[in-house]
Amino acid sequence: MDWKRLFGRTAPVRPERVDFPVQVDLEDPRLTVTIHLHELPTAGGTLSCWSYVTNGLSFWGQKEMVLTLKREADEPAAEYSTEPIELFHGIAGLARDGALADAGHVTHFQPKRGPWGGHVLYVAAQPLPGVPVPEEALAAIVITGHELETVRSHGATRVMARLGREAVYFPCPPWSDRARLRSAKPAAGKSILDRTLIVHLPGVSAIYDGRNVSIFASAGSRPDLRRAMEQWSIDKPLALLTGMGQGDGCLVWEPGLKGLNAITPPNSTGRQLAACFLMIAGGLETNEIRLVEDGIGLILTEDSTAALRDALMNVRDLRLTAGDSVISVAGTVDPGEAGPPTGILLLHPEDEWMARGGDATSLAVYVKELLRVVSRERRDDRLPAGFDIFVVLRGRASRVWGAPPDVCERLEAVTPPSVNPGPFGFVIHALRGGEMTFDMNRDLPAEWTAAAANIPGTGPGQAVTMDDVIAQVWPA
C-alpha cells in the first residue's frame, strides 16, 4: 500500500510556535492527533521522544493508536516529523472502509513508500511516562522489510522479542528508531517454522514455567482457533504462532543463539515465559515437552494429540502429563465473560507483594488461573451465589479457606507463584449487585475469627495483624 498516493495528502501546516503537547486537527473533525514531547528511561539511557496519540479512530471501531518516535541527536524539538500524522490519516481511511488493525497485525507499504521507508507492526500499547495513552490502545512500531517478512512467516511475537532483546526492553521497545531502520540487518538462517504448517493466532498464548506448559486463548481468538483445529489433520505437525499473553518474560531466538534465551521486565524472575510459537506433533509413545528455538514443542501420543485438538477446538479444560510435567489448557470462559462478576480484595498492602519476594506479573497470572477454576465451579453449582474464598501464599505453597473441601483442593492444585518468605493473602469475593460488599469484621472464616480472639498479648493499642492470624491458622 502507498498511503501517500492513496489518500493524496499533503503535510499539515506546522504552527509558528510550538508548545507541547500539540494538537493537530485532520480533515475529518472527528479525528485529532496530539503530539507529546517527553523522555523515556531505558536500560541504555534516557531517550527524548515525540509520541503521537490519536483521538477519534474509535468512531470507526478502530482502537486508538500511539506512535513514539525517537528524536535524533541533531533534531530540534519543534521540528517534529509529520509522517505519523499522515499514517494515522491513512489508517482512519482504512477504518472507514472496515479494515481494522489489532495487536499482531501489520500494514505493509510499497518499497520506500511507508513511514521512513518501513512498515508498521501493531502491538498492545505500553504506559509512557508523561503521555496519556488511551485504554486498550495499540502502539504502531515501524519495522524493516526483513522484519515484515519474519512477522508473516514466523509471527509477530518473534519480531517483538528480538526487538526487545536488542533494546533491553520488555516486551518490545515502544519507540521507532529511524537510525535502526537504516542500519538493521536481516537475521540470516533457517527456522524449523520454515518446514511446518503455521497458523497465526496472537490471541493464544503458551506459557512455560520451567517445567509445565499452560495454554490460554482469549475470547476474541476462539473462532479462529476453532477453525484452525477443524482444518488440522493431526497426523501432520502444526505450529500456532502465539502471543505473549500474561507471561512475565518471553523466549527469544535468532540464528546463532544457543540454549534457552529470554527477555524479562525489571524485577521479574521470569518464571512464566511466553513462547513465540506452539508446535504440536503426534505419533510418539509418550508425551514430551521440548523447547525449540523460541517456541514450545509438544510431542504427544495420538490419543493426547486428539484430546488437545478437541480441547482447543471446543474451549474445554484439559490436563495432560508429560513425565513429571503438566500440559494444561485453560478452556473455560474467562472471568467476567459469563455469570456474576468476581472481585479481588488484597489482605496485605499491594507493595508487600514485591517486598515479600513476589515478582511483577506472576500474581496477576495466578489470580486469573484461580478465577478460571472458580468460574467452572460456579457453572457447575459447587459454589453458593455469595462466597468469600481466602487464599494465602507462602514460599511455593498455597492454602485456601471459605469453599467446600473439594473446591479448596482444586484451587490449591493451581501452581502458585513464589513469595518468599511471605505470607501474602487475598480474597476472591462474589460481588453483590456488581459491588464489593466484603466486611473484614463480618466475613472472615470462623477459623480465622477464633484464631484472632485467642492470640495472646493483645490489648489496648495492640492490634492483631493479618500475619498474626495467618501464623495461627497455617503454622509455618
Protein backbone atom coordinates (compact mmCIF):
# COMPACT_ATOMS: atom_id res chain seq x y z
CA MET A 1 0.00 0.00 0.00
CA ASP A 2 1.17 3.53 -0.81
CA TRP A 3 -0.80 5.61 1.64
CA LYS A 4 0.54 8.95 0.37
CA ARG A 5 -0.74 8.18 -3.12
CA LEU A 6 -3.93 6.53 -1.84
CA PHE A 7 -5.09 9.46 0.26
CA GLY A 8 -3.43 12.28 -1.66
CA ARG A 9 -2.48 14.14 1.48
CA THR A 10 0.00 16.95 1.92
CA ALA A 11 1.79 17.57 5.19
CA PRO A 12 -0.27 19.57 7.71
CA VAL A 13 0.84 23.13 8.33
CA ARG A 14 3.17 23.35 11.31
CA PRO A 15 2.26 26.12 13.76
CA GLU A 16 4.70 29.00 14.03
CA ARG A 17 5.02 28.50 17.79
CA VAL A 18 5.30 25.01 19.26
CA ASP A 19 4.15 24.47 22.82
CA PHE A 20 3.84 20.78 23.61
CA PRO A 21 1.56 18.97 23.65
CA VAL A 22 0.49 20.00 20.14
CA GLN A 23 -2.94 19.05 18.82
CA VAL A 24 -3.26 18.54 15.08
CA ASP A 25 -6.75 18.54 13.58
CA LEU A 26 -7.11 16.43 10.47
CA GLU A 27 -9.58 16.94 7.65
CA ASP A 28 -12.19 14.79 9.40
CA PRO A 29 -13.22 16.77 12.52
CA ARG A 30 -13.76 13.53 14.42
CA LEU A 31 -10.03 12.71 14.37
CA THR A 32 -7.18 14.56 16.05
CA VAL A 33 -3.55 13.69 16.78
CA THR A 34 -1.82 15.05 19.88
CA ILE A 35 1.98 15.23 19.85
CA HIS A 36 3.81 14.95 23.17
CA LEU A 37 7.49 15.74 23.74
CA HIS A 38 8.81 13.57 26.57
CA GLU A 39 11.69 11.50 27.90
CA LEU A 40 11.66 7.73 28.10
CA PRO A 41 14.00 5.92 30.52
CA THR A 42 15.61 2.78 29.09
CA ALA A 43 18.42 0.42 30.03
CA GLY A 44 20.65 2.26 27.54
CA GLY A 45 19.86 5.72 28.89
CA THR A 46 17.07 8.26 28.63
CA LEU A 47 15.61 8.85 25.18
CA SER A 48 14.00 12.07 24.00
CA CYS A 49 10.87 11.19 22.05
CA TRP A 50 7.80 12.51 20.35
CA SER A 51 4.66 10.47 20.91
CA TYR A 52 1.73 10.89 18.52
CA VAL A 53 -1.61 9.86 20.11
CA THR A 54 -4.88 9.59 18.20
CA ASN A 55 -8.32 10.57 19.39
CA GLY A 56 -11.27 9.59 17.22
CA LEU A 57 -10.28 6.33 15.49
CA SER A 58 -12.71 4.58 17.84
CA PHE A 59 -15.58 6.30 15.99
CA TRP A 60 -14.99 3.78 13.18
CA GLY A 61 -14.37 0.85 15.53
CA GLN A 62 -10.58 1.11 15.35
CA LYS A 63 -8.59 1.06 18.59
CA GLU A 64 -6.80 4.33 19.29
CA MET A 65 -3.09 4.37 18.48
CA VAL A 66 0.18 5.84 19.65
CA LEU A 67 3.40 6.08 17.68
CA THR A 68 6.53 7.03 19.64
CA LEU A 69 9.45 8.35 17.61
CA LYS A 70 12.96 8.65 18.98
CA ARG A 71 14.44 12.09 18.32
CA GLU A 72 17.79 12.04 16.60
CA ALA A 73 20.64 13.97 18.15
CA ASP A 74 20.54 16.97 15.79
CA GLU A 75 16.74 17.41 15.65
CA PRO A 76 15.24 20.49 17.32
CA ALA A 77 12.26 19.60 19.49
CA ALA A 78 9.97 21.89 17.47
CA GLU A 79 10.72 20.12 14.19
CA TYR A 80 8.63 17.01 14.80
CA SER A 81 8.03 14.67 11.88
CA THR A 82 4.65 14.72 10.15
CA GLU A 83 4.94 11.14 8.87
CA PRO A 84 2.93 9.68 11.82
CA ILE A 85 0.14 12.19 11.19
CA GLU A 86 -0.08 11.06 7.57
CA LEU A 87 -0.02 7.44 8.71
CA PHE A 88 -2.95 7.94 11.08
CA HIS A 89 -4.88 9.78 8.39
CA GLY A 90 -4.45 6.72 6.17
CA ILE A 91 -5.44 4.33 8.97
CA ALA A 92 -8.62 6.35 9.51
CA GLY A 93 -9.46 5.92 5.82
CA LEU A 94 -8.99 2.17 6.08
CA ALA A 95 -11.09 2.04 9.27
CA ARG A 96 -13.92 3.87 7.48
CA ASP A 97 -13.86 1.05 4.93
CA GLY A 98 -14.00 -1.58 7.68
CA ALA A 99 -10.31 -2.61 7.59
CA LEU A 100 -9.34 -2.62 11.28
CA ALA A 101 -5.92 -3.30 12.80
CA ASP A 102 -5.29 -5.16 16.04
CA ALA A 103 -2.32 -6.42 18.03
CA GLY A 104 -0.15 -8.70 15.91
CA HIS A 105 -1.33 -7.20 12.62
CA VAL A 106 0.89 -5.35 10.14
CA THR A 107 0.42 -2.70 7.49
CA HIS A 108 2.80 -3.11 4.58
CA PHE A 109 3.73 -0.46 2.03
CA GLN A 110 5.25 -0.33 -1.40
CA PRO A 111 9.08 -0.04 -1.31
CA LYS A 112 10.18 3.31 0.14
CA ARG A 113 6.56 4.46 0.34
CA GLY A 114 5.92 3.73 4.03
CA PRO A 115 6.91 5.88 7.02
CA TRP A 116 10.71 6.29 6.82
CA GLY A 117 10.75 3.52 4.24
CA GLY A 118 9.40 0.93 6.66
CA HIS A 119 6.23 -0.93 7.53
CA VAL A 120 4.07 -0.91 10.66
CA LEU A 121 3.58 -3.60 13.29
CA TYR A 122 0.77 -3.10 15.81
CA VAL A 123 1.25 -4.23 19.42
CA ALA A 124 -0.56 -3.54 22.68
CA ALA A 125 0.44 -0.06 23.83
CA GLN A 126 2.53 0.27 26.99
CA PRO A 127 2.35 3.08 29.58
CA LEU A 128 4.58 6.02 28.65
CA PRO A 129 5.72 8.41 31.40
CA GLY A 130 4.04 11.78 30.92
CA VAL A 131 1.89 10.67 27.97
CA PRO A 132 -1.84 9.90 28.36
CA VAL A 133 -2.27 6.63 26.44
CA PRO A 134 -5.90 5.62 25.74
CA GLU A 135 -7.12 2.40 27.31
CA GLU A 136 -6.59 -0.66 25.06
CA ALA A 137 -4.68 1.46 22.55
CA LEU A 138 -2.30 -0.02 20.02
CA ALA A 139 1.30 1.05 19.57
CA ALA A 140 2.40 1.42 15.95
CA ILE A 141 6.00 0.24 15.63
CA VAL A 142 7.88 0.88 12.38
CA ILE A 143 9.79 -2.21 11.22
CA THR A 144 12.02 -3.10 8.28
CA GLY A 145 11.09 -5.14 5.22
CA HIS A 146 13.01 -8.15 6.57
CA GLU A 147 11.14 -7.91 9.86
CA LEU A 148 7.86 -7.71 7.97
CA GLU A 149 8.69 -10.99 6.25
CA THR A 150 9.52 -12.54 9.63
CA VAL A 151 6.14 -11.44 11.02
CA ARG A 152 4.44 -13.09 8.08
CA SER A 153 6.41 -16.33 8.20
CA HIS A 154 7.28 -16.72 11.89
CA GLY A 155 4.89 -14.45 13.80
CA ALA A 156 4.80 -11.01 15.39
CA THR A 157 5.97 -12.27 18.80
CA ARG A 158 9.32 -13.42 17.37
CA VAL A 159 9.96 -9.93 15.98
CA MET A 160 8.82 -8.27 19.23
CA ALA A 161 11.12 -10.49 21.29
CA ARG A 162 14.10 -9.80 19.03
CA LEU A 163 13.49 -6.07 19.22
CA GLY A 164 13.14 -6.37 22.98
CA ARG A 165 16.41 -8.25 23.29
CA GLU A 166 18.23 -5.68 21.14
CA ALA A 167 16.87 -2.70 23.10
CA VAL A 168 16.80 -4.48 26.51
CA TYR A 169 13.13 -3.52 26.84
CA PHE A 170 10.23 -5.87 27.59
CA PRO A 171 8.10 -6.88 25.80
CA CYS A 172 9.47 -4.75 22.96
CA PRO A 173 10.64 -1.15 22.62
CA PRO A 174 7.59 1.13 22.25
CA TRP A 175 9.56 3.62 20.15
CA SER A 176 10.54 3.64 16.48
CA ASP A 177 14.18 4.45 15.74
CA ARG A 178 14.97 5.73 12.25
CA ALA A 179 18.70 5.07 12.70
CA ARG A 180 17.91 1.42 13.43
CA LEU A 181 15.71 1.21 10.35
CA ARG A 182 18.60 2.48 8.22
CA SER A 183 21.17 0.06 9.65
CA ALA A 184 19.21 -3.09 10.59
CA LYS A 185 20.48 -6.33 9.09
CA PRO A 186 18.31 -9.39 8.44
CA ALA A 187 18.66 -12.37 10.77
CA ALA A 188 20.14 -14.87 8.32
CA GLY A 189 19.41 -18.54 8.81
CA LYS A 190 16.69 -21.16 8.65
CA SER A 191 13.97 -21.84 11.21
CA ILE A 192 12.07 -25.01 11.99
CA LEU A 193 8.95 -22.99 11.16
CA ASP A 194 10.06 -22.88 7.51
CA ARG A 195 9.03 -26.51 7.07
CA THR A 196 5.91 -26.59 9.26
CA LEU A 197 2.27 -25.75 8.68
CA ILE A 198 1.67 -22.48 10.58
CA VAL A 199 -1.39 -20.58 11.80
CA HIS A 200 -1.20 -17.01 13.17
CA LEU A 201 -3.10 -16.86 16.49
CA PRO A 202 -1.79 -13.89 18.52
CA GLY A 203 -4.74 -14.21 20.92
CA VAL A 204 -3.47 -17.64 22.01
CA SER A 205 -0.53 -17.86 24.41
CA ALA A 206 1.65 -20.72 25.64
CA ILE A 207 3.41 -20.14 28.97
CA TYR A 208 6.40 -22.20 30.19
CA ASP A 209 7.27 -22.14 33.90
CA GLY A 210 10.46 -24.19 33.67
CA ARG A 211 8.61 -27.48 33.77
CA ASN A 212 4.93 -27.12 32.84
CA VAL A 213 3.14 -25.62 29.83
CA SER A 214 -0.12 -23.70 30.14
CA ILE A 215 -2.15 -22.76 27.05
CA PHE A 216 -4.64 -19.86 27.08
CA ALA A 217 -6.99 -18.49 24.44
CA SER A 218 -8.60 -15.06 24.61
CA ALA A 219 -12.30 -14.80 23.86
CA GLY A 220 -11.63 -13.00 20.59
CA SER A 221 -9.24 -15.70 19.35
CA ARG A 222 -11.59 -18.64 19.83
CA PRO A 223 -13.39 -18.56 16.46
CA ASP A 224 -10.04 -18.56 14.60
CA LEU A 225 -8.65 -21.24 16.91
CA ARG A 226 -11.69 -23.42 16.31
CA ARG A 227 -11.37 -23.07 12.53
CA ALA A 228 -7.66 -23.91 12.72
CA MET A 229 -8.35 -27.07 14.76
CA GLU A 230 -11.18 -28.14 12.45
CA GLN A 231 -8.89 -27.88 9.42
CA TRP A 232 -5.87 -29.54 11.04
CA SER A 233 -5.16 -33.17 10.29
CA ILE A 234 -3.42 -34.42 13.44
CA ASP A 235 -1.09 -36.72 11.51
CA LYS A 236 0.85 -33.60 10.46
CA PRO A 237 2.79 -31.20 12.72
CA LEU A 238 1.19 -27.80 13.30
CA ALA A 239 2.72 -24.58 14.68
CA LEU A 240 0.48 -21.96 16.29
CA LEU A 241 2.20 -18.56 16.13
CA THR A 242 1.23 -17.27 19.57
CA GLY A 243 1.14 -14.00 21.51
CA MET A 244 2.74 -13.10 24.85
CA GLY A 245 -0.46 -13.27 26.90
CA GLN A 246 0.24 -12.83 30.61
CA GLY A 247 3.83 -14.06 30.55
CA ASP A 248 6.38 -12.26 32.73
CA GLY A 249 9.02 -12.90 30.09
CA CYS A 250 9.34 -14.22 26.56
CA LEU A 251 11.57 -16.74 24.86
CA VAL A 252 13.80 -15.19 22.21
CA TRP A 253 15.84 -16.76 19.42
CA GLU A 254 17.68 -15.91 16.27
CA PRO A 255 20.18 -17.96 14.25
CA GLY A 256 23.36 -18.43 16.27
CA LEU A 257 21.80 -18.23 19.74
CA LYS A 258 22.26 -21.41 21.77
CA GLY A 259 20.34 -22.70 24.75
CA LEU A 260 17.39 -21.05 26.46
CA ASN A 261 17.27 -17.28 25.98
CA ALA A 262 14.56 -14.95 27.22
CA ILE A 263 13.76 -11.32 27.85
CA THR A 264 12.05 -10.22 31.07
CA PRO A 265 10.88 -6.94 32.60
CA PRO A 266 12.78 -5.37 35.51
CA ASN A 267 12.35 -7.16 38.87
CA SER A 268 10.86 -10.24 37.21
CA THR A 269 12.04 -13.75 37.97
CA GLY A 270 10.96 -14.91 34.52
CA ARG A 271 9.05 -17.91 35.84
CA GLN A 272 6.23 -17.53 33.30
CA LEU A 273 7.89 -17.37 29.89
CA ALA A 274 5.72 -16.86 26.83
CA ALA A 275 6.59 -18.85 23.74
CA CYS A 276 6.62 -17.33 20.26
CA PHE A 277 5.01 -20.46 18.87
CA LEU A 278 3.46 -23.73 20.00
CA MET A 279 4.28 -26.72 17.84
CA ILE A 280 2.12 -29.83 18.16
CA ALA A 281 3.06 -33.21 16.69
CA GLY A 282 1.68 -36.69 17.34
CA GLY A 283 2.86 -40.24 16.95
CA LEU A 284 5.14 -40.60 20.00
CA GLU A 285 4.75 -43.40 22.55
CA THR A 286 4.87 -40.96 25.47
CA ASN A 287 4.21 -37.23 25.80
CA GLU A 288 7.21 -34.87 25.74
CA ILE A 289 7.78 -31.12 26.10
CA ARG A 290 10.70 -29.70 24.15
CA LEU A 291 11.99 -26.14 23.86
CA VAL A 292 12.58 -25.42 20.17
CA GLU A 293 14.15 -22.09 19.15
CA ASP A 294 11.83 -19.53 20.83
CA GLY A 295 8.89 -21.92 20.94
CA ILE A 296 7.50 -24.93 22.74
CA GLY A 297 7.21 -28.31 21.06
CA LEU A 298 4.57 -30.73 22.32
CA ILE A 299 5.40 -34.19 21.00
CA LEU A 300 2.42 -36.31 22.00
CA THR A 301 0.80 -39.68 21.70
CA GLU A 302 -2.03 -40.00 19.19
CA ASP A 303 -4.63 -40.02 21.99
CA SER A 304 -3.14 -36.93 23.63
CA THR A 305 -2.92 -35.10 20.30
CA ALA A 306 -6.61 -35.80 19.63
CA ALA A 307 -7.54 -34.70 23.17
CA LEU A 308 -5.55 -31.47 22.82
CA ARG A 309 -7.15 -30.72 19.46
CA ASP A 310 -10.60 -31.29 20.95
CA ALA A 311 -9.88 -29.08 23.99
CA LEU A 312 -8.63 -26.21 21.82
CA MET A 313 -11.44 -26.55 19.31
CA ASN A 314 -14.28 -26.73 21.86
CA VAL A 315 -12.90 -24.45 24.60
CA ARG A 316 -12.52 -27.19 27.21
CA ASP A 317 -10.14 -27.61 30.11
CA LEU A 318 -7.50 -30.29 29.64
CA ARG A 319 -4.66 -31.65 31.70
CA LEU A 320 -2.04 -33.94 30.15
CA THR A 321 1.07 -35.32 31.81
CA ALA A 322 4.50 -35.45 30.17
CA GLY A 323 6.82 -37.22 32.56
CA ASP A 324 6.76 -35.09 35.73
CA SER A 325 5.46 -32.07 33.77
CA VAL A 326 1.91 -30.97 33.03
CA ILE A 327 0.41 -29.58 29.82
CA SER A 328 -2.80 -27.71 30.61
CA VAL A 329 -5.42 -25.93 28.54
CA ALA A 330 -7.46 -23.31 30.38
CA GLY A 331 -10.52 -23.70 28.21
CA THR A 332 -13.32 -22.41 30.42
CA VAL A 333 -14.72 -18.96 29.77
CA ASP A 334 -12.71 -16.05 31.08
CA PRO A 335 -13.90 -14.48 34.34
CA GLY A 336 -16.49 -11.85 33.56
CA GLU A 337 -17.48 -13.35 30.22
CA ALA A 338 -20.39 -15.18 31.82
CA GLY A 339 -22.00 -15.31 35.23
CA PRO A 340 -21.94 -12.82 38.11
CA PRO A 341 -18.75 -10.78 38.46
CA THR A 342 -15.98 -11.57 40.94
CA GLY A 343 -13.70 -9.14 42.75
CA ILE A 344 -10.29 -9.46 44.39
CA LEU A 345 -9.54 -7.92 47.79
CA LEU A 346 -5.92 -7.92 49.00
CA LEU A 347 -5.34 -8.84 52.65
CA HIS A 348 -1.87 -7.27 52.58
CA PRO A 349 -0.87 -3.91 51.06
CA GLU A 350 -0.07 -4.19 47.36
CA ASP A 351 3.55 -3.11 47.84
CA GLU A 352 4.05 -6.03 50.22
CA TRP A 353 3.86 -8.41 47.26
CA MET A 354 7.20 -7.20 45.90
CA ALA A 355 8.65 -6.64 49.38
CA ARG A 356 7.93 -10.26 50.29
CA GLY A 357 9.57 -11.74 47.22
CA GLY A 358 6.79 -11.67 44.59
CA ASP A 359 7.56 -10.58 41.04
CA ALA A 360 5.82 -8.02 38.87
CA THR A 361 3.27 -10.03 36.89
CA SER A 362 3.08 -13.57 38.28
CA LEU A 363 0.37 -12.69 40.82
CA ALA A 364 -1.97 -11.49 38.05
CA VAL A 365 -1.34 -14.69 36.05
CA TYR A 366 -2.01 -16.83 39.13
CA VAL A 367 -5.20 -14.98 40.08
CA LYS A 368 -6.50 -15.30 36.52
CA GLU A 369 -5.99 -19.06 36.67
CA LEU A 370 -7.77 -19.27 40.05
CA LEU A 371 -10.69 -17.31 38.60
CA ARG A 372 -10.95 -19.81 35.77
CA VAL A 373 -11.34 -22.59 38.36
CA VAL A 374 -13.88 -20.51 40.31
CA SER A 375 -15.81 -19.83 37.08
CA ARG A 376 -16.04 -23.56 36.39
CA GLU A 377 -17.08 -24.37 39.96
CA ARG A 378 -19.82 -21.71 39.83
CA ARG A 379 -21.05 -23.00 36.49
CA ASP A 380 -21.34 -26.50 37.97
CA ASP A 381 -23.16 -25.18 41.09
CA ARG A 382 -20.40 -26.18 43.50
CA LEU A 383 -20.22 -22.67 45.00
CA PRO A 384 -23.01 -20.63 46.59
CA ALA A 385 -24.22 -17.41 44.98
CA GLY A 386 -22.30 -15.39 47.56
CA PHE A 387 -18.85 -16.56 48.67
CA ASP A 388 -15.56 -15.31 50.05
CA ILE A 389 -12.60 -17.56 49.24
CA PHE A 390 -9.42 -16.78 51.18
CA VAL A 391 -6.09 -17.60 49.50
CA VAL A 392 -2.72 -17.31 51.26
CA LEU A 393 0.67 -17.87 49.60
CA ARG A 394 3.92 -18.69 51.38
CA GLY A 395 7.08 -19.94 49.72
CA ARG A 396 5.88 -22.09 46.83
CA ALA A 397 2.71 -23.27 48.58
CA SER A 398 -0.88 -22.08 48.93
CA ARG A 399 -3.76 -22.62 51.35
CA VAL A 400 -7.43 -21.92 50.66
CA TRP A 401 -10.37 -21.33 53.04
CA GLY A 402 -14.03 -20.49 52.52
CA ALA A 403 -15.04 -23.06 49.89
CA PRO A 404 -16.12 -26.72 50.05
CA PRO A 405 -13.13 -29.04 50.70
CA ASP A 406 -13.05 -30.43 47.16
CA VAL A 407 -13.11 -26.91 45.66
CA CYS A 408 -10.31 -25.81 48.04
CA GLU A 409 -8.32 -28.82 46.87
CA ARG A 410 -8.74 -27.89 43.21
CA LEU A 411 -7.74 -24.28 43.90
CA GLU A 412 -4.67 -25.42 45.86
CA ALA A 413 -3.70 -27.61 42.88
CA VAL A 414 -3.09 -24.47 40.80
CA THR A 415 0.66 -23.87 40.81
CA PRO A 416 1.25 -20.68 42.83
CA PRO A 417 3.97 -18.11 42.22
CA SER A 418 6.80 -17.96 44.71
CA VAL A 419 6.53 -15.43 47.54
CA ASN A 420 9.45 -15.85 49.87
CA PRO A 421 9.19 -15.69 52.80
CA GLY A 422 5.59 -14.48 52.60
CA PRO A 423 2.83 -14.73 53.59
CA PHE A 424 0.61 -12.83 51.18
CA GLY A 425 -3.15 -13.18 51.08
CA PHE A 426 -6.23 -12.10 49.16
CA VAL A 427 -9.95 -12.79 48.95
CA ILE A 428 -11.92 -13.91 45.89
CA HIS A 429 -15.26 -12.22 46.54
CA ALA A 430 -18.59 -12.73 44.77
CA LEU A 431 -19.81 -9.21 44.07
CA ARG A 432 -23.34 -8.36 45.14
CA GLY A 433 -25.14 -6.14 42.67
CA GLY A 434 -21.81 -5.53 40.95
CA GLU A 435 -20.31 -4.02 44.13
CA MET A 436 -17.75 -5.12 46.71
CA THR A 437 -19.64 -5.87 49.95
CA PHE A 438 -16.90 -7.67 51.87
CA ASP A 439 -16.63 -6.73 55.57
CA MET A 440 -13.45 -7.78 57.38
CA ASN A 441 -15.23 -7.79 60.74
CA ARG A 442 -18.08 -9.94 59.46
CA ASP A 443 -16.82 -12.16 56.65
CA LEU A 444 -13.61 -13.77 57.95
CA PRO A 445 -13.68 -17.58 58.09
CA ALA A 446 -14.76 -18.83 61.52
CA GLU A 447 -11.35 -20.44 61.99
CA TRP A 448 -9.67 -17.06 61.44
CA THR A 449 -12.01 -15.22 63.81
CA ALA A 450 -11.37 -17.78 66.55
CA ALA A 451 -7.62 -17.58 66.00
CA ALA A 452 -7.67 -13.77 66.25
CA ALA A 453 -9.59 -13.92 69.52
CA ASN A 454 -7.14 -16.40 71.04
CA ILE A 455 -3.91 -14.65 70.12
CA PRO A 456 -2.27 -13.81 73.48
CA GLY A 457 -0.87 -10.45 74.44
CA THR A 458 -3.35 -8.25 72.61
CA GLY A 459 -4.82 -5.33 74.46
CA PRO A 460 -5.43 -1.62 74.10
CA GLY A 461 -3.26 -0.25 71.32
CA GLN A 462 -2.07 -3.73 70.32
CA ALA A 463 -3.93 -4.69 67.18
CA VAL A 464 -3.87 -8.21 65.80
CA THR A 465 -2.19 -8.21 62.38
CA MET A 466 -3.09 -10.36 59.40
CA ASP A 467 0.30 -12.06 59.72
CA ASP A 468 -0.55 -12.96 63.35
CA VAL A 469 -3.80 -14.61 62.28
CA ILE A 470 -2.22 -16.49 59.36
CA ALA A 471 0.53 -17.80 61.64
CA GLN A 472 -2.20 -19.35 63.80
CA VAL A 473 -4.35 -20.90 61.07
CA TRP A 474 -1.38 -22.02 58.94
CA PRO A 475 1.66 -22.58 61.16
CA ALA A 476 4.98 -22.38 59.36
